[in-house]
């Protein structure tokens, strides 16, 4: 199985939140992110987040 590198840029607040969640699970940030991405419901949750973001930016201000 070939491997690929995924590089992510995120702000400090998000990284701190991820560190906190990962620590509560006894995991590294990298392992926590991978575990989150392979969850069975990730695709549905991601799609819901995209749709909510689209609605937010389309709503009248």
N, C-alpha and C. Protein backbone atom coordinates (compact mmCIF):
# COMPACT_ATOMS: atom_id res chain seq x y z
N UNK A 1 0.84 -1.17 0.00
CA UNK A 1 0.00 0.00 0.00
C UNK A 1 0.89 1.24 0.00
N UNK A 2 0.69 2.11 -0.95
CA UNK A 2 1.46 3.35 -1.03
C UNK A 2 0.93 4.35 -0.02
N UNK A 3 1.81 5.21 0.44
CA UNK A 3 1.37 6.24 1.38
C UNK A 3 1.53 7.61 0.76
N UNK A 4 0.77 8.55 1.28
CA UNK A 4 0.78 9.92 0.80
C UNK A 4 0.83 10.84 2.00
N UNK A 5 1.48 11.98 1.85
CA UNK A 5 1.57 12.95 2.93
C UNK A 5 0.46 13.97 2.76
N UNK A 6 -0.23 14.26 3.86
CA UNK A 6 -1.25 15.30 3.88
C UNK A 6 -0.76 16.40 4.79
N UNK A 7 -0.64 17.59 4.26
CA UNK A 7 -0.19 18.74 5.04
C UNK A 7 -1.38 19.65 5.28
N UNK A 8 -1.51 20.10 6.52
CA UNK A 8 -2.66 20.96 6.86
C UNK A 8 -2.16 22.24 7.51
N UNK A 9 -2.79 23.35 7.19
CA UNK A 9 -2.51 24.62 7.84
C UNK A 9 -3.76 24.98 8.63
N UNK A 10 -3.58 25.30 9.92
CA UNK A 10 -4.73 25.68 10.74
C UNK A 10 -4.29 26.72 11.75
N UNK A 11 -5.26 27.48 12.24
CA UNK A 11 -4.90 28.51 13.21
C UNK A 11 -4.64 27.88 14.58
N UNK A 12 -4.02 28.65 15.44
CA UNK A 12 -3.62 28.16 16.75
C UNK A 12 -4.77 27.71 17.61
N UNK A 13 -5.89 28.43 17.55
CA UNK A 13 -7.06 28.05 18.36
C UNK A 13 -7.58 26.67 17.99
N UNK A 14 -7.67 26.40 16.70
CA UNK A 14 -8.14 25.09 16.25
C UNK A 14 -7.16 24.00 16.67
N UNK A 15 -5.87 24.27 16.52
CA UNK A 15 -4.87 23.28 16.92
C UNK A 15 -4.95 23.00 18.43
N UNK A 16 -5.15 24.05 19.22
CA UNK A 16 -5.30 23.85 20.67
C UNK A 16 -6.52 22.99 20.98
N UNK A 17 -7.62 23.23 20.29
CA UNK A 17 -8.83 22.41 20.50
C UNK A 17 -8.57 20.96 20.12
N UNK A 18 -7.89 20.75 19.00
CA UNK A 18 -7.57 19.38 18.58
C UNK A 18 -6.65 18.70 19.58
N UNK A 19 -5.67 19.44 20.09
CA UNK A 19 -4.76 18.87 21.10
C UNK A 19 -5.54 18.44 22.34
N UNK A 20 -6.49 19.28 22.74
CA UNK A 20 -7.29 18.98 23.93
C UNK A 20 -8.13 17.72 23.72
N UNK A 21 -8.81 17.65 22.59
CA UNK A 21 -9.64 16.46 22.29
C UNK A 21 -8.77 15.21 22.18
N UNK A 22 -7.63 15.35 21.52
CA UNK A 22 -6.73 14.20 21.36
C UNK A 22 -6.22 13.73 22.72
N UNK A 23 -5.85 14.66 23.59
CA UNK A 23 -5.33 14.30 24.91
C UNK A 23 -6.38 13.57 25.73
N UNK A 24 -7.63 14.00 25.63
CA UNK A 24 -8.71 13.33 26.36
C UNK A 24 -8.86 11.89 25.90
N UNK A 25 -8.53 11.63 24.65
CA UNK A 25 -8.62 10.27 24.10
C UNK A 25 -7.31 9.51 24.23
N UNK A 26 -6.28 10.17 24.79
CA UNK A 26 -4.98 9.53 24.92
C UNK A 26 -4.28 9.30 23.60
N UNK A 27 -4.48 10.24 22.66
CA UNK A 27 -3.94 10.09 21.32
C UNK A 27 -3.10 11.30 20.94
N UNK A 28 -2.28 11.14 19.90
CA UNK A 28 -1.61 12.29 19.31
C UNK A 28 -2.62 13.03 18.43
N UNK A 29 -2.31 14.26 18.09
CA UNK A 29 -3.20 15.03 17.22
C UNK A 29 -3.36 14.32 15.88
N UNK A 30 -2.26 13.81 15.35
CA UNK A 30 -2.31 13.11 14.06
C UNK A 30 -3.22 11.89 14.12
N UNK A 31 -3.07 11.09 15.17
CA UNK A 31 -3.92 9.90 15.31
C UNK A 31 -5.39 10.29 15.49
N UNK A 32 -5.63 11.35 16.25
CA UNK A 32 -7.00 11.81 16.48
C UNK A 32 -7.66 12.23 15.16
N UNK A 33 -6.91 12.96 14.34
CA UNK A 33 -7.45 13.41 13.04
C UNK A 33 -7.73 12.21 12.15
N UNK A 34 -6.79 11.27 12.09
CA UNK A 34 -7.01 10.08 11.25
C UNK A 34 -8.22 9.31 11.74
N UNK A 35 -8.34 9.12 13.05
CA UNK A 35 -9.49 8.39 13.60
C UNK A 35 -10.80 9.09 13.22
N UNK A 36 -10.78 10.42 13.28
CA UNK A 36 -11.98 11.19 12.92
C UNK A 36 -12.32 11.01 11.44
N UNK A 37 -11.32 11.03 10.59
CA UNK A 37 -11.56 10.90 9.16
C UNK A 37 -12.06 9.53 8.75
N UNK A 38 -11.71 8.49 9.51
CA UNK A 38 -12.14 7.15 9.11
C UNK A 38 -13.44 6.71 9.79
N UNK A 39 -14.02 7.59 10.60
CA UNK A 39 -15.31 7.24 11.21
C UNK A 39 -16.34 6.98 10.13
N UNK A 40 -17.23 6.05 10.40
CA UNK A 40 -18.25 5.68 9.42
C UNK A 40 -19.14 6.85 9.02
N UNK A 41 -19.41 7.76 9.95
CA UNK A 41 -20.32 8.85 9.65
C UNK A 41 -19.61 10.11 9.17
N UNK A 42 -18.31 10.03 8.90
CA UNK A 42 -17.57 11.24 8.51
C UNK A 42 -18.15 11.88 7.25
N UNK A 43 -18.43 11.09 6.22
CA UNK A 43 -18.93 11.64 4.97
C UNK A 43 -20.23 12.42 5.18
N UNK A 44 -21.14 11.85 5.96
CA UNK A 44 -22.42 12.53 6.20
C UNK A 44 -22.21 13.81 7.02
N UNK A 45 -21.36 13.74 8.04
CA UNK A 45 -21.10 14.91 8.88
C UNK A 45 -20.41 16.00 8.07
N UNK A 46 -19.47 15.63 7.21
CA UNK A 46 -18.77 16.60 6.38
C UNK A 46 -19.74 17.27 5.42
N UNK A 47 -20.59 16.48 4.78
CA UNK A 47 -21.57 17.03 3.84
C UNK A 47 -22.51 18.00 4.56
N UNK A 48 -22.95 17.65 5.75
CA UNK A 48 -23.82 18.53 6.53
C UNK A 48 -23.12 19.85 6.85
N UNK A 49 -21.84 19.78 7.21
CA UNK A 49 -21.09 20.99 7.51
C UNK A 49 -20.94 21.87 6.27
N UNK A 50 -20.70 21.25 5.12
CA UNK A 50 -20.59 22.02 3.87
C UNK A 50 -21.91 22.71 3.56
N UNK A 51 -23.01 21.98 3.68
CA UNK A 51 -24.33 22.56 3.40
C UNK A 51 -24.65 23.70 4.36
N UNK A 52 -24.32 23.54 5.63
CA UNK A 52 -24.57 24.60 6.61
C UNK A 52 -23.74 25.84 6.30
N UNK A 53 -22.50 25.63 5.90
CA UNK A 53 -21.63 26.76 5.53
C UNK A 53 -22.18 27.48 4.31
N UNK A 54 -22.64 26.71 3.31
CA UNK A 54 -23.20 27.33 2.11
C UNK A 54 -24.44 28.14 2.46
N UNK A 55 -25.31 27.61 3.32
CA UNK A 55 -26.50 28.35 3.74
C UNK A 55 -26.12 29.64 4.47
N UNK A 56 -25.11 29.57 5.32
CA UNK A 56 -24.67 30.73 6.08
C UNK A 56 -24.21 31.84 5.16
N UNK A 57 -23.41 31.49 4.16
CA UNK A 57 -22.87 32.51 3.26
C UNK A 57 -23.88 33.00 2.23
N UNK A 58 -24.95 32.24 2.02
CA UNK A 58 -26.01 32.68 1.11
C UNK A 58 -27.07 33.51 1.80
N UNK A 59 -27.14 33.43 3.13
CA UNK A 59 -28.21 34.12 3.86
C UNK A 59 -28.02 35.63 3.77
N UNK A 60 -29.15 36.36 3.70
CA UNK A 60 -29.05 37.84 3.64
C UNK A 60 -28.47 38.37 4.93
N UNK A 61 -27.66 39.39 4.78
CA UNK A 61 -26.99 39.96 5.96
C UNK A 61 -27.61 41.24 6.39
